[in-house]
Amino acid sequence: MDSQPSILVIDDEPDNFDVVETLLDGENYQLYYAPSGQQALNRLDSFQPDLILLDVMMPDLDGMEVCQRIKADPQWQAVPIIMVTALTDKEDLARCLGTGADDFISKPVNGVELRARVHSMLRIKQQHESMQVLLKLREDMVNMIVHDLRNPLTSIVLGAEILRFTGLSPKQQQGKIDQILLAAQQLQSLIDSLLIMAKLESGKMLLNYTEIDLCTLCMSAIADIEAIAAQKNLTLFSDLPEPGGIVVVDAVIFRRVLDNLLSNAIKFSPSKSQVTLRAEYLVAGGAKVQIADSGSGVSQDLRQIIFKKYEIGTLMSEVSQIGLGLAFCKMAIEAHSGTITIEDNHPNGSIFTVLLKNQ
């Protein structure tokens, strides 16, 4: 809903509109007027109301008929309608609500009551719109997850089908087995990330802090991703502290953060470029880890969005983007009471920086 909600007043008496306008003065509403039910129905698309104040007693089409027609159109079903009526009989009021009206207010209209009911109905409308956005987000999320789960699964099925045929050399068989294993690991990693994120969000995950050697952990992450980097003809460069230093983290989750950041850097780096992993212990305690790539970079307006679940930065058709990796990293690092930020890597690319405090 816009910052200035629009209200359509449908009433055959212009003086009644003037009363409503006066009572709602200063409420930051955009008011529109239709002198008949038919004109309102004809021009709903141009009015685009967030709320309708509808008089019951009108010639030709009365308010109840107008309400029924509006609510019969799926496009306008979510728009709240407040019936403005001089009727006081409970059966008449029940008929107003039975036509699909969301509320009613009696004439003569009281300013305090009108403002309260309008505010209430607009709040309900905004909640409905927020729910629709959430449902659309969930639908998009499910589609993205299914798409990214299908990719490694397809690779596993195709590799297994090929292994069923005879005539493959031992080297070819080993290649297909490696392909299946890599795809299975990707599938497992994605599912594990989804499960960990769900636990972190619900507050049900307790981090298992242990003392680990930061250099050893980083070297292990680089070693495990070298094959993927080689496929894109990328150079992996590391600038690490001497072995023997200690950082206190949940080793499994922090390693997954490194895997996601390195995988992300490789994914968006052009062929024959470099991905760099730097790590250092800080004088004040804790550590700083940086992953730098030479990709297209991330614009200023996207730098917070990309850390949200199911959001992505620059869409690249040849790159699988589920919008979970960076969201997972942010949640995991913040669970460690740390921070993750992004900055430009000159002349091209991005640098993701993770800062960890002493536990």
Protein backbone atom coordinates (compact mmCIF):
# COMPACT_ATOMS: atom_id res chain seq x y z
CA MET A 1 0.00 0.00 0.00
CA ASP A 2 1.24 3.53 -0.82
CA SER A 3 2.41 5.88 1.97
CA GLN A 4 -0.76 7.90 1.27
CA PRO A 5 -3.70 5.46 1.29
CA SER A 6 -6.54 6.21 -1.12
CA ILE A 7 -10.18 6.20 0.00
CA LEU A 8 -13.11 6.13 -2.39
CA VAL A 9 -16.34 7.66 -1.07
CA ILE A 10 -19.44 6.46 -2.97
CA ASP A 11 -22.47 8.62 -2.13
CA ASP A 12 -25.17 10.32 -4.19
CA GLU A 13 -25.06 13.35 -1.88
CA PRO A 14 -21.95 15.56 -2.46
CA ASP A 15 -22.49 17.17 0.94
CA ASN A 16 -21.82 13.81 2.60
CA PHE A 17 -18.45 13.66 0.85
CA ASP A 18 -17.65 17.12 2.19
CA VAL A 19 -18.43 15.89 5.71
CA VAL A 20 -16.12 12.87 5.31
CA GLU A 21 -13.40 15.07 3.84
CA THR A 22 -13.63 17.44 6.79
CA LEU A 23 -13.60 14.64 9.38
CA LEU A 24 -10.55 12.99 7.79
CA ASP A 25 -8.66 16.24 7.23
CA GLY A 26 -5.06 15.94 8.33
CA GLU A 27 -5.05 12.13 8.21
CA ASN A 28 -2.87 11.98 5.05
CA TYR A 29 -5.47 10.13 2.97
CA GLN A 30 -6.08 10.66 -0.74
CA LEU A 31 -9.87 10.99 -1.12
CA TYR A 32 -11.87 10.25 -4.28
CA TYR A 33 -15.60 10.73 -4.87
CA ALA A 34 -18.13 8.86 -6.99
CA PRO A 35 -21.74 10.19 -7.04
CA SER A 36 -23.26 6.83 -7.99
CA GLY A 37 -22.60 3.13 -7.62
CA GLN A 38 -22.39 2.60 -11.38
CA GLN A 39 -19.81 5.34 -11.84
CA ALA A 40 -17.75 3.86 -9.03
CA LEU A 41 -17.87 0.42 -10.67
CA ASN A 42 -16.88 1.90 -14.02
CA ARG A 43 -13.90 3.76 -12.59
CA LEU A 44 -12.51 1.42 -9.92
CA ASP A 45 -9.38 0.84 -11.99
CA SER A 46 -8.67 4.58 -12.14
CA PHE A 47 -9.44 5.15 -8.44
CA GLN A 48 -7.36 2.14 -7.21
CA PRO A 49 -8.82 2.52 -3.69
CA ASP A 50 -7.29 1.04 -0.57
CA LEU A 51 -10.63 1.51 1.22
CA ILE A 52 -14.22 2.23 0.17
CA LEU A 53 -16.79 4.21 2.16
CA LEU A 54 -20.10 3.17 0.64
CA ASP A 55 -23.49 4.77 1.28
CA VAL A 56 -26.31 2.23 1.52
CA MET A 57 -29.32 4.29 0.41
CA MET A 58 -28.66 5.38 -3.19
CA PRO A 59 -30.97 5.52 -6.24
CA ASP A 60 -30.57 3.03 -9.10
CA LEU A 61 -27.87 0.78 -7.62
CA ASP A 62 -28.06 0.79 -3.84
CA GLY A 63 -25.00 0.26 -1.67
CA MET A 64 -25.68 -3.42 -1.03
CA GLU A 65 -25.79 -4.22 -4.75
CA VAL A 66 -22.63 -2.19 -5.36
CA CYS A 67 -20.88 -4.01 -2.51
CA GLN A 68 -21.85 -7.41 -3.91
CA ARG A 69 -20.52 -6.52 -7.36
CA ILE A 70 -17.24 -5.19 -6.04
CA LYS A 71 -16.65 -8.21 -3.82
CA ALA A 72 -17.53 -10.56 -6.72
CA ASP A 73 -14.46 -9.29 -8.60
CA PRO A 74 -11.31 -11.11 -7.38
CA GLN A 75 -9.24 -7.98 -8.05
CA TRP A 76 -11.15 -6.00 -5.41
CA GLN A 77 -12.09 -8.67 -2.87
CA ALA A 78 -9.31 -7.61 -0.50
CA VAL A 79 -10.33 -3.92 -0.50
CA PRO A 80 -12.22 -3.22 2.77
CA ILE A 81 -15.69 -1.71 2.40
CA ILE A 82 -17.27 0.29 5.21
CA MET A 83 -21.01 0.73 4.72
CA VAL A 84 -22.29 4.16 5.77
CA THR A 85 -25.92 3.76 6.73
CA ALA A 86 -28.85 5.41 8.51
CA LEU A 87 -30.33 1.94 9.04
CA THR A 88 -30.43 0.80 12.63
CA ASP A 89 -32.41 -2.43 12.45
CA LYS A 90 -30.11 -5.35 13.24
CA GLU A 91 -31.46 -7.36 10.30
CA ASP A 92 -30.60 -4.52 7.93
CA LEU A 93 -27.12 -4.24 9.39
CA ALA A 94 -26.70 -8.02 9.08
CA ARG A 95 -27.69 -7.73 5.39
CA CYS A 96 -24.96 -5.11 4.90
CA LEU A 97 -22.35 -7.49 6.26
CA GLY A 98 -23.92 -10.36 4.31
CA THR A 99 -23.23 -8.58 1.02
CA GLY A 100 -19.50 -8.71 1.76
CA ALA A 101 -19.02 -5.44 3.64
CA ASP A 102 -16.20 -5.50 6.19
CA ASP A 103 -17.65 -2.97 8.61
CA PHE A 104 -20.37 -0.34 8.92
CA ILE A 105 -20.75 3.07 10.49
CA SER A 106 -24.02 4.78 11.35
CA LYS A 107 -25.20 8.21 10.28
CA PRO A 108 -24.74 10.89 11.42
CA VAL A 109 -21.07 10.05 11.13
CA ASN A 110 -18.94 10.69 14.20
CA GLY A 111 -15.41 11.89 13.48
CA VAL A 112 -13.66 9.85 16.18
CA GLU A 113 -15.48 6.68 15.16
CA LEU A 114 -14.87 7.26 11.44
CA ARG A 115 -11.14 7.79 11.89
CA ALA A 116 -10.87 4.72 14.12
CA ARG A 117 -12.74 2.45 11.70
CA VAL A 118 -10.86 3.75 8.66
CA HIS A 119 -7.54 3.24 10.43
CA SER A 120 -8.56 -0.28 11.47
CA MET A 121 -9.65 -1.30 7.97
CA LEU A 122 -6.51 0.14 6.36
CA ARG A 123 -4.39 -1.78 8.87
CA ILE A 124 -6.18 -4.99 7.89
CA LYS A 125 -5.64 -4.17 4.21
CA GLN A 126 -1.92 -3.64 4.83
CA GLN A 127 -1.69 -6.93 6.72
CA HIS A 128 -3.36 -8.67 3.79
CA GLU A 129 -0.88 -7.12 1.36
CA SER A 130 2.04 -8.13 3.56
CA MET A 131 0.68 -11.68 3.63
CA GLN A 132 0.41 -11.70 -0.17
CA VAL A 133 4.03 -10.58 -0.45
CA LEU A 134 5.05 -13.34 1.97
CA LEU A 135 3.10 -15.96 0.02
CA LYS A 136 4.70 -14.80 -3.24
CA LEU A 137 8.11 -14.91 -1.59
CA ARG A 138 7.42 -18.44 -0.36
CA GLU A 139 6.29 -19.50 -3.83
CA ASP A 140 9.43 -18.03 -5.40
CA MET A 141 11.55 -19.62 -2.68
CA VAL A 142 10.05 -23.06 -3.27
CA ASN A 143 10.63 -22.72 -7.01
CA MET A 144 14.26 -21.72 -6.45
CA ILE A 145 14.90 -24.52 -3.98
CA VAL A 146 13.31 -27.12 -6.27
CA HIS A 147 15.38 -25.80 -9.18
CA ASP A 148 18.66 -25.96 -7.26
CA LEU A 149 17.88 -29.34 -5.74
CA ARG A 150 17.04 -30.69 -9.18
CA ASN A 151 20.42 -29.72 -10.70
CA PRO A 152 22.64 -32.02 -8.61
CA LEU A 153 19.93 -34.68 -8.54
CA THR A 154 19.82 -34.70 -12.34
CA SER A 155 23.59 -35.06 -12.42
CA ILE A 156 23.39 -38.03 -10.03
CA VAL A 157 20.69 -39.77 -12.08
CA LEU A 158 22.48 -39.23 -15.40
CA GLY A 159 25.79 -40.40 -13.99
CA ALA A 160 24.18 -43.53 -12.53
CA GLU A 161 22.41 -44.28 -15.84
CA ILE A 162 25.71 -44.06 -17.73
CA LEU A 163 27.40 -46.39 -15.23
CA ARG A 164 24.78 -49.04 -16.04
CA PHE A 165 26.18 -49.41 -19.55
CA THR A 166 29.15 -51.66 -20.18
CA GLY A 167 32.09 -50.58 -22.25
CA LEU A 168 33.27 -47.76 -20.03
CA SER A 169 36.95 -47.73 -19.24
CA PRO A 170 37.99 -47.74 -15.57
CA LYS A 171 39.00 -44.08 -15.95
CA GLN A 172 35.57 -43.19 -17.38
CA GLN A 173 33.83 -45.10 -14.61
CA GLN A 174 35.87 -43.27 -11.98
CA GLY A 175 35.03 -39.95 -13.62
CA LYS A 176 31.30 -40.68 -13.42
CA ILE A 177 31.60 -41.84 -9.80
CA ASP A 178 33.40 -38.59 -8.94
CA GLN A 179 30.64 -36.64 -10.72
CA ILE A 180 27.94 -38.44 -8.74
CA LEU A 181 29.81 -37.93 -5.46
CA LEU A 182 30.29 -34.20 -6.10
CA ALA A 183 26.61 -33.75 -6.99
CA ALA A 184 25.55 -35.69 -3.90
CA GLN A 185 27.77 -33.49 -1.73
CA GLN A 186 26.21 -30.37 -3.27
CA LEU A 187 22.76 -31.74 -2.58
CA GLN A 188 23.65 -32.61 1.00
CA SER A 189 25.23 -29.17 1.55
CA LEU A 190 22.12 -27.36 0.34
CA ILE A 191 19.81 -29.45 2.51
CA ASP A 192 22.09 -29.04 5.53
CA SER A 193 22.15 -25.26 5.04
CA LEU A 194 18.35 -25.14 4.92
CA LEU A 195 18.10 -27.16 8.14
CA ILE A 196 20.73 -25.10 9.97
CA MET A 197 19.09 -21.83 8.90
CA ALA A 198 15.74 -23.05 10.19
CA LYS A 199 17.30 -23.87 13.57
CA LEU A 200 19.17 -20.56 13.75
CA GLU A 201 15.99 -18.63 12.97
CA SER A 202 13.97 -20.49 15.57
CA GLY A 203 16.67 -20.05 18.19
CA LYS A 204 16.86 -23.81 18.68
CA MET A 205 20.50 -24.23 17.62
CA LEU A 206 23.20 -24.12 20.26
CA LEU A 207 26.63 -23.44 18.78
CA ASN A 208 29.27 -26.02 19.63
CA TYR A 209 32.25 -23.76 20.32
CA THR A 210 35.69 -25.31 20.03
CA GLU A 211 39.25 -24.01 19.72
CA ILE A 212 40.49 -24.45 16.15
CA ASP A 213 43.53 -23.44 14.15
CA LEU A 214 42.31 -20.77 11.71
CA CYS A 215 45.08 -21.48 9.21
CA THR A 216 44.32 -25.21 9.12
CA LEU A 217 40.60 -24.59 8.68
CA CYS A 218 41.16 -22.14 5.80
CA MET A 219 43.65 -24.44 4.06
CA SER A 220 41.16 -27.31 4.29
CA ALA A 221 38.42 -25.15 2.74
CA ILE A 222 40.71 -24.15 -0.14
CA ALA A 223 41.79 -27.74 -0.76
CA ASP A 224 38.21 -28.94 -1.01
CA ILE A 225 37.23 -26.31 -3.57
CA GLU A 226 40.34 -26.42 -5.77
CA ALA A 227 38.76 -28.85 -8.25
CA ILE A 228 35.77 -26.53 -8.83
CA ALA A 229 38.08 -23.54 -9.28
CA ALA A 230 40.19 -25.50 -11.78
CA GLN A 231 37.09 -26.19 -13.88
CA LYS A 232 36.75 -22.42 -14.41
CA ASN A 233 40.50 -21.95 -14.83
CA LEU A 234 40.63 -19.81 -11.67
CA THR A 235 43.63 -19.29 -9.42
CA LEU A 236 43.10 -19.69 -5.68
CA PHE A 237 45.43 -17.51 -3.62
CA SER A 238 45.72 -17.60 0.18
CA ASP A 239 47.26 -15.21 2.68
CA LEU A 240 47.02 -16.96 6.02
CA PRO A 241 48.58 -16.65 9.49
CA GLU A 242 51.16 -19.11 10.70
CA PRO A 243 49.70 -22.41 11.97
CA GLY A 244 49.20 -22.64 15.70
CA GLY A 245 46.85 -19.71 16.32
CA ILE A 246 43.49 -20.36 17.89
CA VAL A 247 40.01 -19.05 17.17
CA VAL A 248 36.91 -20.15 19.10
CA VAL A 249 33.99 -20.99 16.79
CA ASP A 250 31.53 -23.70 15.91
CA ALA A 251 33.90 -25.44 13.51
CA VAL A 252 31.23 -27.14 11.38
CA ILE A 253 29.13 -24.02 10.85
CA PHE A 254 32.09 -21.67 10.36
CA ARG A 255 33.59 -24.05 7.82
CA ARG A 256 30.26 -23.97 5.97
CA VAL A 257 30.46 -20.18 5.94
CA LEU A 258 33.91 -20.37 4.32
CA ASP A 259 32.63 -22.92 1.79
CA ASN A 260 29.69 -20.69 0.86
CA LEU A 261 31.81 -17.55 0.48
CA LEU A 262 34.48 -19.33 -1.57
CA SER A 263 31.87 -21.04 -3.73
CA ASN A 264 30.12 -17.71 -4.26
CA ALA A 265 33.38 -16.02 -5.24
CA ILE A 266 34.21 -18.77 -7.74
CA LYS A 267 30.67 -18.73 -9.13
CA PHE A 268 30.81 -15.03 -10.03
CA SER A 269 34.46 -14.75 -11.07
CA PRO A 270 35.36 -14.74 -14.76
CA SER A 271 37.63 -17.42 -16.16
CA LYS A 272 41.39 -16.92 -15.66
CA SER A 273 40.89 -14.55 -12.72
CA GLN A 274 41.85 -14.92 -9.07
CA VAL A 275 39.99 -15.66 -5.83
CA THR A 276 41.81 -14.76 -2.64
CA LEU A 277 41.30 -15.96 0.92
CA ARG A 278 42.98 -13.85 3.60
CA ALA A 279 42.87 -14.47 7.34
CA GLU A 280 44.52 -12.83 10.33
CA TYR A 281 44.29 -12.71 14.09
CA LEU A 282 43.42 -9.29 15.49
CA VAL A 283 45.47 -7.55 18.17
CA ALA A 284 42.35 -6.91 20.23
CA GLY A 285 41.39 -10.58 19.94
CA GLY A 286 39.27 -12.50 17.49
CA ALA A 287 40.00 -12.78 13.80
CA LYS A 288 39.30 -11.29 10.37
CA VAL A 289 38.67 -13.40 7.29
CA GLN A 290 38.31 -11.94 3.78
CA ILE A 291 37.32 -13.54 0.48
CA ALA A 292 38.01 -11.42 -2.60
CA ASP A 293 36.86 -12.10 -6.15
CA SER A 294 37.18 -10.42 -9.55
CA GLY A 295 33.55 -10.62 -10.61
CA SER A 296 31.08 -7.92 -11.59
CA GLY A 297 30.81 -6.60 -8.03
CA VAL A 298 27.71 -5.64 -6.05
CA SER A 299 26.13 -2.19 -6.30
CA GLN A 300 25.53 -0.10 -3.16
CA ASP A 301 21.75 -0.56 -3.23
CA LEU A 302 22.10 -4.36 -3.34
CA ARG A 303 24.63 -4.75 -0.53
CA GLN A 304 22.04 -5.28 2.18
CA ILE A 305 19.50 -7.07 0.01
CA ILE A 306 21.86 -9.91 -0.91
CA PHE A 307 22.16 -10.94 2.75
CA LYS A 308 18.39 -11.53 2.94
CA LYS A 309 16.96 -14.97 2.43
CA TYR A 310 16.04 -15.84 -1.17
CA GLU A 311 17.31 -12.50 -2.47
CA ILE A 312 20.00 -12.32 -5.13
CA GLY A 313 22.12 -9.55 -6.58
CA THR A 314 22.84 -9.31 -10.27
CA LEU A 315 20.98 -12.10 -12.08
CA MET A 316 23.28 -14.19 -14.28
CA SER A 317 21.56 -16.71 -16.53
CA GLU A 318 24.48 -19.11 -16.56
CA VAL A 319 24.85 -19.14 -12.77
CA SER A 320 22.66 -21.07 -10.35
CA GLN A 321 21.43 -18.61 -7.70
CA ILE A 322 19.17 -19.80 -4.92
CA GLY A 323 19.65 -16.79 -2.66
CA LEU A 324 20.52 -18.84 0.43
CA GLY A 325 24.32 -18.79 0.66
CA LEU A 326 24.89 -15.23 1.82
CA ALA A 327 21.79 -15.26 4.04
CA PHE A 328 23.17 -18.36 5.74
CA CYS A 329 26.58 -16.71 6.18
CA LYS A 330 25.05 -13.62 7.79
CA MET A 331 22.90 -15.65 10.17
CA ALA A 332 25.76 -17.94 11.12
CA ILE A 333 28.28 -15.14 11.71
CA GLU A 334 25.79 -13.07 13.71
CA ALA A 335 25.07 -16.18 15.80
CA HIS A 336 28.80 -16.05 16.61
CA SER A 337 28.33 -12.36 17.61
CA GLY A 338 30.38 -11.38 14.57
CA THR A 339 29.74 -9.30 11.46
CA ILE A 340 29.92 -9.82 7.70
CA THR A 341 30.26 -6.91 5.27
CA ILE A 342 30.97 -6.32 1.59
CA GLU A 343 33.11 -3.73 -0.19
CA ASP A 344 34.56 -3.15 -3.64
CA ASN A 345 37.63 -5.05 -4.77
CA HIS A 346 39.50 -2.72 -7.11
CA PRO A 347 39.57 -2.71 -10.04
CA ASN A 348 36.83 -5.38 -10.24
CA GLY A 349 34.90 -7.62 -7.91
CA SER A 350 33.92 -7.74 -4.26
CA ILE A 351 35.53 -8.40 -0.89
CA PHE A 352 33.48 -10.12 1.81
CA THR A 353 34.88 -9.49 5.30
CA VAL A 354 34.03 -11.58 8.36
CA LEU A 355 34.98 -10.22 11.78
CA LEU A 356 34.92 -12.56 14.77
CA LYS A 357 35.19 -11.48 18.38
CA ASN A 358 36.70 -13.43 21.24
CA GLN A 359 34.19 -15.85 22.76
